[in-house]
Amino acid sequence: MLSHVGMLSWSAEHMGYDLDIRSIGDPGFACGVPGGNALLGLVDAVLADGDLAAAQQEVRARLGDGALVHAAGVFGNFQMMNRIAEGTGIPIPKQRIDASVDQIEAVGLQRMIKSQHG
């Protein structure tokens, strides 16, 4: 997850968006990416068994059908990377954690990090 936050941050910066990564863990924050909160709602619906049809409709309404297809592809790719990393037991290096404290706290990843590093 930490790598995904980094990739998302770098991508947003490259595109000129003012991403607020706190929105990843807390929908009360505006994402700063056009349609970003709708996309976050889609991810939440998939991961938390929420109202997927409503989340899909929200993405379509804000960004169009093509964006929904692209979002599904990106989501699938991130899930694949997570499963490979978890399945092979790849730990997050301590140096990466130390360099990413602000992101870890902003997104609320402390629980995941503690499970790997006590």
N, C-alpha and C. Protein backbone atom coordinates (compact mmCIF):
# COMPACT_ATOMS: atom_id res chain seq x y z
N MET A 1 0.82 -1.20 0.00
CA MET A 1 0.00 0.00 0.00
C MET A 1 0.86 1.26 0.00
N LEU A 2 1.94 1.23 0.74
CA LEU A 2 2.80 2.41 0.82
C LEU A 2 3.36 2.76 -0.55
N SER A 3 3.76 1.77 -1.32
CA SER A 3 4.25 2.03 -2.67
C SER A 3 3.17 2.64 -3.54
N HIS A 4 1.92 2.17 -3.35
CA HIS A 4 0.82 2.70 -4.14
C HIS A 4 0.57 4.17 -3.82
N VAL A 5 0.68 4.53 -2.56
CA VAL A 5 0.51 5.93 -2.16
C VAL A 5 1.59 6.77 -2.84
N GLY A 6 2.81 6.27 -2.85
CA GLY A 6 3.90 6.99 -3.51
C GLY A 6 3.64 7.16 -5.00
N MET A 7 3.21 6.07 -5.66
CA MET A 7 2.94 6.15 -7.10
C MET A 7 1.81 7.13 -7.39
N LEU A 8 0.78 7.10 -6.56
CA LEU A 8 -0.35 8.02 -6.73
C LEU A 8 0.11 9.46 -6.55
N SER A 9 0.92 9.70 -5.54
CA SER A 9 1.43 11.05 -5.28
C SER A 9 2.27 11.57 -6.44
N TRP A 10 3.17 10.73 -6.93
CA TRP A 10 4.04 11.14 -8.03
C TRP A 10 3.24 11.38 -9.31
N SER A 11 2.26 10.52 -9.55
CA SER A 11 1.42 10.69 -10.74
C SER A 11 0.63 11.99 -10.67
N ALA A 12 0.04 12.27 -9.51
CA ALA A 12 -0.72 13.51 -9.35
C ALA A 12 0.17 14.72 -9.54
N GLU A 13 1.37 14.66 -8.97
CA GLU A 13 2.31 15.77 -9.13
C GLU A 13 2.67 15.98 -10.61
N HIS A 14 2.92 14.88 -11.30
CA HIS A 14 3.27 14.95 -12.73
C HIS A 14 2.13 15.57 -13.55
N MET A 15 0.89 15.26 -13.15
CA MET A 15 -0.27 15.77 -13.87
C MET A 15 -0.66 17.18 -13.43
N GLY A 16 0.01 17.70 -12.40
CA GLY A 16 -0.27 19.05 -11.94
C GLY A 16 -1.44 19.15 -10.97
N TYR A 17 -1.81 18.04 -10.33
CA TYR A 17 -2.91 18.05 -9.36
C TYR A 17 -2.35 18.26 -7.96
N ASP A 18 -3.14 18.88 -7.13
CA ASP A 18 -2.77 19.11 -5.74
C ASP A 18 -3.44 18.03 -4.89
N LEU A 19 -2.90 16.83 -4.94
CA LEU A 19 -3.47 15.68 -4.24
C LEU A 19 -3.30 15.82 -2.74
N ASP A 20 -4.38 15.58 -2.03
CA ASP A 20 -4.33 15.51 -0.57
C ASP A 20 -4.44 14.04 -0.22
N ILE A 21 -3.29 13.40 0.11
CA ILE A 21 -3.30 11.96 0.34
C ILE A 21 -4.13 11.56 1.55
N ARG A 22 -4.46 12.50 2.42
CA ARG A 22 -5.34 12.17 3.54
C ARG A 22 -6.69 11.66 3.06
N SER A 23 -7.09 12.07 1.86
CA SER A 23 -8.38 11.65 1.32
C SER A 23 -8.43 10.15 1.05
N ILE A 24 -7.27 9.51 0.93
CA ILE A 24 -7.24 8.07 0.70
C ILE A 24 -7.79 7.33 1.92
N GLY A 25 -7.48 7.80 3.09
CA GLY A 25 -7.95 7.15 4.30
C GLY A 25 -9.15 7.82 4.94
N ASP A 26 -9.51 9.01 4.47
CA ASP A 26 -10.61 9.75 5.10
C ASP A 26 -11.37 10.52 4.01
N PRO A 27 -12.57 10.05 3.64
CA PRO A 27 -13.34 10.70 2.58
C PRO A 27 -13.80 12.11 2.93
N GLY A 28 -13.54 12.56 4.15
CA GLY A 28 -13.88 13.92 4.54
C GLY A 28 -12.96 14.96 3.92
N PHE A 29 -11.84 14.51 3.37
CA PHE A 29 -10.90 15.42 2.72
C PHE A 29 -11.15 15.40 1.21
N ALA A 30 -11.08 16.57 0.59
CA ALA A 30 -11.19 16.65 -0.86
C ALA A 30 -9.91 16.11 -1.47
N CYS A 31 -10.05 15.24 -2.43
CA CYS A 31 -8.91 14.54 -3.03
C CYS A 31 -7.96 15.49 -3.76
N GLY A 32 -8.50 16.44 -4.49
CA GLY A 32 -7.67 17.35 -5.26
C GLY A 32 -7.42 16.89 -6.68
N VAL A 33 -7.98 15.76 -7.04
CA VAL A 33 -7.87 15.21 -8.40
C VAL A 33 -9.28 15.20 -8.97
N PRO A 34 -9.48 15.68 -10.19
CA PRO A 34 -10.83 15.69 -10.76
C PRO A 34 -11.48 14.30 -10.69
N GLY A 35 -12.61 14.24 -10.03
CA GLY A 35 -13.31 12.96 -9.89
C GLY A 35 -12.67 12.02 -8.89
N GLY A 36 -11.66 12.48 -8.19
CA GLY A 36 -10.90 11.62 -7.29
C GLY A 36 -11.72 11.02 -6.17
N ASN A 37 -12.61 11.82 -5.59
CA ASN A 37 -13.43 11.29 -4.51
C ASN A 37 -14.40 10.23 -5.03
N ALA A 38 -14.87 10.37 -6.26
CA ALA A 38 -15.72 9.33 -6.85
C ALA A 38 -14.91 8.04 -7.05
N LEU A 39 -13.67 8.19 -7.48
CA LEU A 39 -12.80 7.02 -7.66
C LEU A 39 -12.50 6.36 -6.32
N LEU A 40 -12.26 7.17 -5.29
CA LEU A 40 -12.03 6.60 -3.96
C LEU A 40 -13.28 5.87 -3.47
N GLY A 41 -14.45 6.41 -3.78
CA GLY A 41 -15.70 5.73 -3.42
C GLY A 41 -15.83 4.39 -4.12
N LEU A 42 -15.36 4.32 -5.36
CA LEU A 42 -15.39 3.05 -6.10
C LEU A 42 -14.48 2.03 -5.42
N VAL A 43 -13.29 2.45 -5.06
CA VAL A 43 -12.36 1.54 -4.37
C VAL A 43 -12.96 1.08 -3.05
N ASP A 44 -13.52 2.00 -2.29
CA ASP A 44 -14.13 1.64 -1.01
C ASP A 44 -15.28 0.64 -1.21
N ALA A 45 -16.09 0.85 -2.26
CA ALA A 45 -17.21 -0.06 -2.51
C ALA A 45 -16.71 -1.46 -2.84
N VAL A 46 -15.64 -1.55 -3.60
CA VAL A 46 -15.09 -2.86 -3.95
C VAL A 46 -14.48 -3.53 -2.72
N LEU A 47 -13.66 -2.80 -1.99
CA LEU A 47 -12.94 -3.40 -0.86
C LEU A 47 -13.84 -3.67 0.35
N ALA A 48 -14.85 -2.88 0.54
CA ALA A 48 -15.70 -3.02 1.72
C ALA A 48 -17.07 -3.62 1.39
N ASP A 49 -17.20 -4.20 0.19
CA ASP A 49 -18.48 -4.77 -0.23
C ASP A 49 -19.61 -3.76 -0.11
N GLY A 50 -19.34 -2.53 -0.55
CA GLY A 50 -20.34 -1.48 -0.50
C GLY A 50 -21.26 -1.53 -1.71
N ASP A 51 -21.93 -0.44 -1.96
CA ASP A 51 -22.87 -0.34 -3.08
C ASP A 51 -22.08 -0.08 -4.37
N LEU A 52 -21.63 -1.15 -4.98
CA LEU A 52 -20.77 -1.05 -6.17
C LEU A 52 -21.49 -0.37 -7.33
N ALA A 53 -22.76 -0.68 -7.54
CA ALA A 53 -23.50 -0.07 -8.65
C ALA A 53 -23.57 1.45 -8.49
N ALA A 54 -23.81 1.91 -7.27
CA ALA A 54 -23.88 3.36 -7.03
C ALA A 54 -22.51 4.00 -7.23
N ALA A 55 -21.47 3.34 -6.77
CA ALA A 55 -20.11 3.88 -6.94
C ALA A 55 -19.73 3.93 -8.41
N GLN A 56 -20.09 2.90 -9.16
CA GLN A 56 -19.81 2.90 -10.60
C GLN A 56 -20.57 4.03 -11.29
N GLN A 57 -21.81 4.22 -10.92
CA GLN A 57 -22.61 5.29 -11.52
C GLN A 57 -22.02 6.66 -11.22
N GLU A 58 -21.50 6.83 -10.00
CA GLU A 58 -20.89 8.11 -9.62
C GLU A 58 -19.65 8.39 -10.48
N VAL A 59 -18.83 7.38 -10.70
CA VAL A 59 -17.65 7.55 -11.57
C VAL A 59 -18.09 7.88 -12.98
N ARG A 60 -19.08 7.17 -13.49
CA ARG A 60 -19.59 7.44 -14.84
C ARG A 60 -20.11 8.87 -14.96
N ALA A 61 -20.86 9.30 -13.96
CA ALA A 61 -21.46 10.64 -14.00
C ALA A 61 -20.38 11.73 -13.97
N ARG A 62 -19.35 11.53 -13.19
CA ARG A 62 -18.31 12.56 -13.04
C ARG A 62 -17.23 12.49 -14.11
N LEU A 63 -16.91 11.25 -14.55
CA LEU A 63 -15.74 11.09 -15.43
C LEU A 63 -16.01 10.37 -16.74
N GLY A 64 -17.15 9.72 -16.86
CA GLY A 64 -17.49 9.01 -18.10
C GLY A 64 -17.22 7.52 -18.03
N ASP A 65 -17.77 6.82 -19.02
CA ASP A 65 -17.64 5.36 -19.07
C ASP A 65 -16.19 4.90 -19.21
N GLY A 66 -15.43 5.61 -20.02
CA GLY A 66 -14.04 5.22 -20.24
C GLY A 66 -13.22 5.27 -18.95
N ALA A 67 -13.51 6.25 -18.11
CA ALA A 67 -12.79 6.36 -16.84
C ALA A 67 -13.10 5.19 -15.94
N LEU A 68 -14.35 4.71 -15.98
CA LEU A 68 -14.71 3.55 -15.17
C LEU A 68 -13.91 2.33 -15.62
N VAL A 69 -13.77 2.14 -16.91
CA VAL A 69 -12.99 1.01 -17.44
C VAL A 69 -11.52 1.14 -17.03
N HIS A 70 -10.97 2.33 -17.17
CA HIS A 70 -9.57 2.55 -16.78
C HIS A 70 -9.37 2.34 -15.28
N ALA A 71 -10.32 2.83 -14.50
CA ALA A 71 -10.23 2.67 -13.04
C ALA A 71 -10.23 1.19 -12.67
N ALA A 72 -11.07 0.41 -13.33
CA ALA A 72 -11.12 -1.03 -13.05
C ALA A 72 -9.79 -1.69 -13.39
N GLY A 73 -9.17 -1.27 -14.49
CA GLY A 73 -7.87 -1.81 -14.87
C GLY A 73 -6.79 -1.45 -13.87
N VAL A 74 -6.77 -0.21 -13.44
CA VAL A 74 -5.78 0.23 -12.45
C VAL A 74 -6.00 -0.50 -11.13
N PHE A 75 -7.25 -0.61 -10.72
CA PHE A 75 -7.56 -1.32 -9.48
C PHE A 75 -7.07 -2.76 -9.56
N GLY A 76 -7.35 -3.43 -10.67
CA GLY A 76 -6.91 -4.81 -10.85
C GLY A 76 -5.39 -4.93 -10.79
N ASN A 77 -4.69 -4.00 -11.39
CA ASN A 77 -3.24 -4.03 -11.37
C ASN A 77 -2.70 -3.85 -9.95
N PHE A 78 -3.25 -2.90 -9.22
CA PHE A 78 -2.80 -2.69 -7.84
C PHE A 78 -3.10 -3.92 -6.99
N GLN A 79 -4.26 -4.54 -7.18
CA GLN A 79 -4.58 -5.74 -6.43
C GLN A 79 -3.59 -6.86 -6.75
N MET A 80 -3.24 -6.99 -8.02
CA MET A 80 -2.27 -8.01 -8.43
C MET A 80 -0.93 -7.77 -7.75
N MET A 81 -0.46 -6.52 -7.74
CA MET A 81 0.82 -6.22 -7.10
C MET A 81 0.77 -6.51 -5.61
N ASN A 82 -0.33 -6.18 -4.95
CA ASN A 82 -0.47 -6.46 -3.52
C ASN A 82 -0.42 -7.95 -3.25
N ARG A 83 -1.14 -8.72 -4.04
CA ARG A 83 -1.19 -10.16 -3.81
C ARG A 83 0.17 -10.82 -4.03
N ILE A 84 0.89 -10.37 -5.03
CA ILE A 84 2.23 -10.92 -5.26
C ILE A 84 3.15 -10.57 -4.09
N ALA A 85 3.14 -9.31 -3.67
CA ALA A 85 3.99 -8.89 -2.56
C ALA A 85 3.65 -9.65 -1.28
N GLU A 86 2.36 -9.76 -0.98
CA GLU A 86 1.94 -10.46 0.23
C GLU A 86 2.24 -11.95 0.14
N GLY A 87 2.00 -12.53 -1.03
CA GLY A 87 2.22 -13.96 -1.22
C GLY A 87 3.68 -14.36 -1.12
N THR A 88 4.56 -13.47 -1.49
CA THR A 88 5.98 -13.78 -1.42
C THR A 88 6.61 -13.29 -0.12
N GLY A 89 5.82 -12.58 0.69
CA GLY A 89 6.31 -12.13 1.99
C GLY A 89 7.28 -10.98 1.92
N ILE A 90 7.16 -10.14 0.90
CA ILE A 90 8.06 -9.00 0.75
C ILE A 90 7.77 -7.99 1.86
N PRO A 91 8.72 -7.75 2.74
CA PRO A 91 8.51 -6.75 3.80
C PRO A 91 8.80 -5.34 3.29
N ILE A 92 8.25 -4.37 3.98
CA ILE A 92 8.58 -2.98 3.69
C ILE A 92 9.89 -2.67 4.40
N PRO A 93 10.93 -2.24 3.67
CA PRO A 93 12.21 -1.95 4.32
C PRO A 93 12.08 -0.82 5.34
N LYS A 94 12.79 -0.95 6.44
CA LYS A 94 12.77 0.05 7.51
C LYS A 94 13.11 1.45 6.98
N GLN A 95 14.07 1.53 6.05
CA GLN A 95 14.46 2.82 5.49
C GLN A 95 13.30 3.47 4.75
N ARG A 96 12.49 2.68 4.06
CA ARG A 96 11.33 3.21 3.33
C ARG A 96 10.30 3.74 4.32
N ILE A 97 10.12 3.02 5.41
CA ILE A 97 9.18 3.46 6.44
C ILE A 97 9.65 4.78 7.04
N ASP A 98 10.93 4.85 7.39
CA ASP A 98 11.47 6.07 7.99
C ASP A 98 11.34 7.27 7.05
N ALA A 99 11.49 7.04 5.75
CA ALA A 99 11.41 8.13 4.78
C ALA A 99 9.97 8.51 4.44
N SER A 100 9.01 7.70 4.89
CA SER A 100 7.62 7.90 4.49
C SER A 100 6.68 8.14 5.67
N VAL A 101 7.22 8.56 6.79
CA VAL A 101 6.41 8.74 8.00
C VAL A 101 5.22 9.65 7.75
N ASP A 102 5.41 10.75 7.04
CA ASP A 102 4.30 11.68 6.80
C ASP A 102 3.17 11.01 6.01
N GLN A 103 3.52 10.26 4.97
CA GLN A 103 2.51 9.57 4.16
C GLN A 103 1.82 8.49 4.99
N ILE A 104 2.58 7.75 5.76
CA ILE A 104 2.01 6.68 6.60
C ILE A 104 0.96 7.25 7.54
N GLU A 105 1.28 8.35 8.19
CA GLU A 105 0.34 8.97 9.13
C GLU A 105 -0.85 9.59 8.40
N ALA A 106 -0.61 10.23 7.26
CA ALA A 106 -1.70 10.90 6.54
C ALA A 106 -2.74 9.91 6.03
N VAL A 107 -2.30 8.75 5.60
CA VAL A 107 -3.21 7.76 5.04
C VAL A 107 -3.72 6.78 6.09
N GLY A 108 -3.07 6.73 7.23
CA GLY A 108 -3.50 5.84 8.30
C GLY A 108 -2.98 4.43 8.16
N LEU A 109 -1.74 4.28 7.74
CA LEU A 109 -1.16 2.96 7.52
C LEU A 109 -0.38 2.42 8.72
N GLN A 110 -0.43 3.10 9.85
CA GLN A 110 0.36 2.68 11.01
C GLN A 110 0.09 1.23 11.40
N ARG A 111 -1.16 0.81 11.33
CA ARG A 111 -1.53 -0.56 11.71
C ARG A 111 -0.81 -1.58 10.85
N MET A 112 -0.74 -1.34 9.55
CA MET A 112 -0.06 -2.25 8.65
C MET A 112 1.43 -2.29 8.93
N ILE A 113 2.01 -1.15 9.18
CA ILE A 113 3.44 -1.08 9.43
C ILE A 113 3.79 -1.79 10.74
N LYS A 114 2.97 -1.59 11.77
CA LYS A 114 3.22 -2.24 13.06
C LYS A 114 3.20 -3.76 12.93
N SER A 115 2.35 -4.28 12.07
CA SER A 115 2.25 -5.74 11.91
C SER A 115 3.54 -6.31 11.34
N GLN A 116 4.29 -5.50 10.61
CA GLN A 116 5.55 -5.98 10.01
C GLN A 116 6.76 -5.68 10.88
N HIS A 117 6.72 -4.60 11.62
CA HIS A 117 7.90 -4.15 12.35
C HIS A 117 7.68 -3.99 13.85
N GLY A 118 6.62 -4.59 14.34
CA GLY A 118 6.38 -4.54 15.79
C GLY A 118 6.02 -3.23 16.22
